[in-house]
Structures are given as structure tokens and as C-alpha cells.
Amino acid sequence: MSIIFQVLKDLVGMFMADARMTLAVLALVATSAALARFEVFDLVTVGWLLLAGCVVLLLASVSAAARK
């Protein structure tokens, strides 16, 4: 049972280590879900926007880490 708790603790630690990145990804996913739900764009376009947003967030995170 302690192994399960250790794994859960490590997973939470990964998300809490970079709270700004976590919040940005959650905001991106929520925005994409809203765009898809209210049919602002078709699903393929929303998928491409989600992919592009994830790539931009990843590059921003790597860039910020490299500056430190």
C-alpha cells in the first residue's frame, strides 16, 4: 500500500513543482473544451489549436528553465 501512496505523492509533486505550467495547461484544455462544446470551431480545428497551444506552452517552459 505504501508504494501506491508514494507513486501518488510523486505524481502530485510533479504537478505542483511547476504550478504556472499546470494552470496554463488546464486553462488551454478548458478553453479548447468550451470551443468544441459551443461549436465555435469544428473539432479538427479545436484539436489543432490544442496541439499548437501545448507546443507553445512546452517551448515557453523549456525557455524559462534554460534561462535559470
N, C-alpha and C. Protein backbone atom coordinates (compact mmCIF):
# COMPACT_ATOMS: atom_id res chain seq x y z
N MET A 1 0.81 -1.19 0.00
CA MET A 1 0.00 0.00 0.00
C MET A 1 0.86 1.26 0.00
N SER A 2 2.02 1.20 0.62
CA SER A 2 2.87 2.38 0.69
C SER A 2 3.44 2.74 -0.68
N ILE A 3 3.59 1.75 -1.56
CA ILE A 3 4.08 2.03 -2.91
C ILE A 3 3.07 2.88 -3.67
N ILE A 4 1.80 2.56 -3.51
CA ILE A 4 0.74 3.33 -4.18
C ILE A 4 0.76 4.77 -3.69
N PHE A 5 0.88 4.95 -2.39
CA PHE A 5 0.92 6.30 -1.84
C PHE A 5 2.16 7.06 -2.31
N GLN A 6 3.27 6.37 -2.42
CA GLN A 6 4.50 7.02 -2.91
C GLN A 6 4.34 7.47 -4.36
N VAL A 7 3.73 6.63 -5.19
CA VAL A 7 3.51 6.97 -6.59
C VAL A 7 2.57 8.18 -6.68
N LEU A 8 1.48 8.16 -5.91
CA LEU A 8 0.55 9.30 -5.91
C LEU A 8 1.24 10.58 -5.42
N LYS A 9 2.06 10.45 -4.41
CA LYS A 9 2.79 11.60 -3.88
C LYS A 9 3.73 12.17 -4.95
N ASP A 10 4.41 11.31 -5.68
CA ASP A 10 5.31 11.76 -6.74
C ASP A 10 4.56 12.43 -7.88
N LEU A 11 3.39 11.88 -8.24
CA LEU A 11 2.58 12.49 -9.30
C LEU A 11 2.11 13.89 -8.90
N VAL A 12 1.63 14.02 -7.69
CA VAL A 12 1.19 15.34 -7.21
C VAL A 12 2.38 16.30 -7.17
N GLY A 13 3.52 15.80 -6.75
CA GLY A 13 4.73 16.63 -6.70
C GLY A 13 5.14 17.14 -8.06
N MET A 14 4.98 16.31 -9.10
CA MET A 14 5.33 16.75 -10.45
C MET A 14 4.44 17.91 -10.89
N PHE A 15 3.15 17.82 -10.58
CA PHE A 15 2.24 18.89 -10.99
C PHE A 15 2.42 20.15 -10.15
N MET A 16 2.76 19.99 -8.91
CA MET A 16 2.92 21.15 -8.04
C MET A 16 4.28 21.82 -8.22
N ALA A 17 5.24 21.13 -8.81
CA ALA A 17 6.57 21.71 -9.00
C ALA A 17 6.52 22.91 -9.92
N ASP A 18 5.68 22.86 -10.92
CA ASP A 18 5.55 23.98 -11.85
C ASP A 18 4.06 24.34 -11.95
N ALA A 19 3.60 25.03 -10.94
CA ALA A 19 2.17 25.35 -10.83
C ALA A 19 1.70 26.23 -11.98
N ARG A 20 2.55 27.14 -12.43
CA ARG A 20 2.16 28.03 -13.53
C ARG A 20 1.92 27.25 -14.82
N MET A 21 2.77 26.26 -15.09
CA MET A 21 2.60 25.42 -16.28
C MET A 21 1.33 24.58 -16.16
N THR A 22 1.09 24.04 -14.97
CA THR A 22 -0.11 23.24 -14.74
C THR A 22 -1.36 24.07 -14.97
N LEU A 23 -1.40 25.27 -14.45
CA LEU A 23 -2.57 26.14 -14.63
C LEU A 23 -2.74 26.55 -16.09
N ALA A 24 -1.64 26.77 -16.78
CA ALA A 24 -1.73 27.13 -18.20
C ALA A 24 -2.29 25.99 -19.03
N VAL A 25 -1.85 24.77 -18.75
CA VAL A 25 -2.37 23.62 -19.48
C VAL A 25 -3.85 23.41 -19.17
N LEU A 26 -4.23 23.54 -17.91
CA LEU A 26 -5.64 23.40 -17.55
C LEU A 26 -6.49 24.47 -18.23
N ALA A 27 -5.99 25.69 -18.31
CA ALA A 27 -6.73 26.75 -18.99
C ALA A 27 -6.85 26.47 -20.48
N LEU A 28 -5.79 25.95 -21.08
CA LEU A 28 -5.81 25.60 -22.50
C LEU A 28 -6.82 24.50 -22.78
N VAL A 29 -6.84 23.48 -21.94
CA VAL A 29 -7.77 22.37 -22.12
C VAL A 29 -9.21 22.85 -21.91
N ALA A 30 -9.43 23.69 -20.90
CA ALA A 30 -10.78 24.21 -20.65
C ALA A 30 -11.26 25.08 -21.81
N THR A 31 -10.38 25.91 -22.34
CA THR A 31 -10.74 26.75 -23.47
C THR A 31 -11.05 25.90 -24.70
N SER A 32 -10.24 24.89 -24.93
CA SER A 32 -10.48 24.00 -26.07
C SER A 32 -11.80 23.26 -25.91
N ALA A 33 -12.08 22.82 -24.70
CA ALA A 33 -13.34 22.12 -24.45
C ALA A 33 -14.54 23.04 -24.68
N ALA A 34 -14.41 24.29 -24.25
CA ALA A 34 -15.51 25.24 -24.45
C ALA A 34 -15.71 25.54 -25.93
N LEU A 35 -14.61 25.69 -26.66
CA LEU A 35 -14.72 25.94 -28.10
C LEU A 35 -15.38 24.76 -28.81
N ALA A 36 -15.05 23.56 -28.39
CA ALA A 36 -15.65 22.38 -29.01
C ALA A 36 -17.11 22.22 -28.58
N ARG A 37 -17.38 22.48 -27.31
CA ARG A 37 -18.74 22.29 -26.79
C ARG A 37 -19.73 23.24 -27.43
N PHE A 38 -19.34 24.50 -27.58
CA PHE A 38 -20.24 25.50 -28.13
C PHE A 38 -20.10 25.64 -29.64
N GLU A 39 -19.34 24.72 -30.23
CA GLU A 39 -19.18 24.62 -31.68
C GLU A 39 -18.75 25.94 -32.33
N VAL A 40 -17.82 26.61 -31.66
CA VAL A 40 -17.25 27.84 -32.22
C VAL A 40 -16.43 27.49 -33.46
N PHE A 41 -15.66 26.41 -33.35
CA PHE A 41 -14.88 25.87 -34.45
C PHE A 41 -15.24 24.40 -34.59
N ASP A 42 -14.89 23.82 -35.74
CA ASP A 42 -15.11 22.37 -35.87
C ASP A 42 -14.07 21.64 -35.03
N LEU A 43 -14.29 20.37 -34.78
CA LEU A 43 -13.44 19.61 -33.87
C LEU A 43 -12.01 19.48 -34.34
N VAL A 44 -11.81 19.40 -35.63
CA VAL A 44 -10.43 19.28 -36.16
C VAL A 44 -9.66 20.56 -35.86
N THR A 45 -10.28 21.70 -36.05
CA THR A 45 -9.63 22.98 -35.76
C THR A 45 -9.32 23.12 -34.28
N VAL A 46 -10.25 22.70 -33.43
CA VAL A 46 -10.02 22.75 -31.98
C VAL A 46 -8.85 21.84 -31.62
N GLY A 47 -8.77 20.68 -32.24
CA GLY A 47 -7.65 19.78 -32.00
C GLY A 47 -6.32 20.39 -32.39
N TRP A 48 -6.29 21.05 -33.54
CA TRP A 48 -5.05 21.72 -33.97
C TRP A 48 -4.69 22.88 -33.03
N LEU A 49 -5.70 23.62 -32.56
CA LEU A 49 -5.44 24.70 -31.60
C LEU A 49 -4.90 24.14 -30.29
N LEU A 50 -5.44 23.02 -29.84
CA LEU A 50 -4.96 22.39 -28.62
C LEU A 50 -3.51 21.92 -28.79
N LEU A 51 -3.22 21.31 -29.91
CA LEU A 51 -1.85 20.87 -30.19
C LEU A 51 -0.88 22.05 -30.23
N ALA A 52 -1.26 23.09 -30.97
CA ALA A 52 -0.40 24.28 -31.07
C ALA A 52 -0.19 24.93 -29.71
N GLY A 53 -1.26 24.99 -28.92
CA GLY A 53 -1.14 25.58 -27.58
C GLY A 53 -0.21 24.78 -26.69
N CYS A 54 -0.29 23.46 -26.76
CA CYS A 54 0.61 22.62 -25.96
C CYS A 54 2.06 22.80 -26.38
N VAL A 55 2.30 22.90 -27.67
CA VAL A 55 3.67 23.11 -28.16
C VAL A 55 4.20 24.46 -27.69
N VAL A 56 3.37 25.50 -27.77
CA VAL A 56 3.79 26.83 -27.31
C VAL A 56 4.09 26.81 -25.82
N LEU A 57 3.23 26.17 -25.03
CA LEU A 57 3.47 26.10 -23.59
C LEU A 57 4.74 25.31 -23.28
N LEU A 58 4.98 24.24 -24.01
CA LEU A 58 6.20 23.46 -23.80
C LEU A 58 7.44 24.28 -24.12
N LEU A 59 7.41 24.98 -25.24
CA LEU A 59 8.55 25.83 -25.60
C LEU A 59 8.78 26.94 -24.58
N ALA A 60 7.70 27.53 -24.09
CA ALA A 60 7.83 28.58 -23.08
C ALA A 60 8.42 28.02 -21.78
N SER A 61 8.00 26.82 -21.41
CA SER A 61 8.52 26.20 -20.20
C SER A 61 10.01 25.87 -20.33
N VAL A 62 10.38 25.32 -21.48
CA VAL A 62 11.79 24.97 -21.71
C VAL A 62 12.64 26.24 -21.76
N SER A 63 12.11 27.27 -22.38
CA SER A 63 12.84 28.54 -22.47
C SER A 63 13.04 29.14 -21.09
N ALA A 64 12.02 29.10 -20.25
CA ALA A 64 12.14 29.64 -18.89
C ALA A 64 13.12 28.83 -18.07
N ALA A 65 13.12 27.52 -18.24
CA ALA A 65 14.04 26.67 -17.50
C ALA A 65 15.48 26.90 -17.95
N ALA A 66 15.66 27.16 -19.25
CA ALA A 66 17.02 27.39 -19.77
C ALA A 66 17.59 28.71 -19.27
N ARG A 67 16.72 29.70 -19.06
CA ARG A 67 17.19 30.99 -18.56
C ARG A 67 17.66 30.91 -17.12
N LYS A 68 17.10 29.96 -16.36
CA LYS A 68 17.51 29.80 -14.95
C LYS A 68 18.82 29.13 -14.91
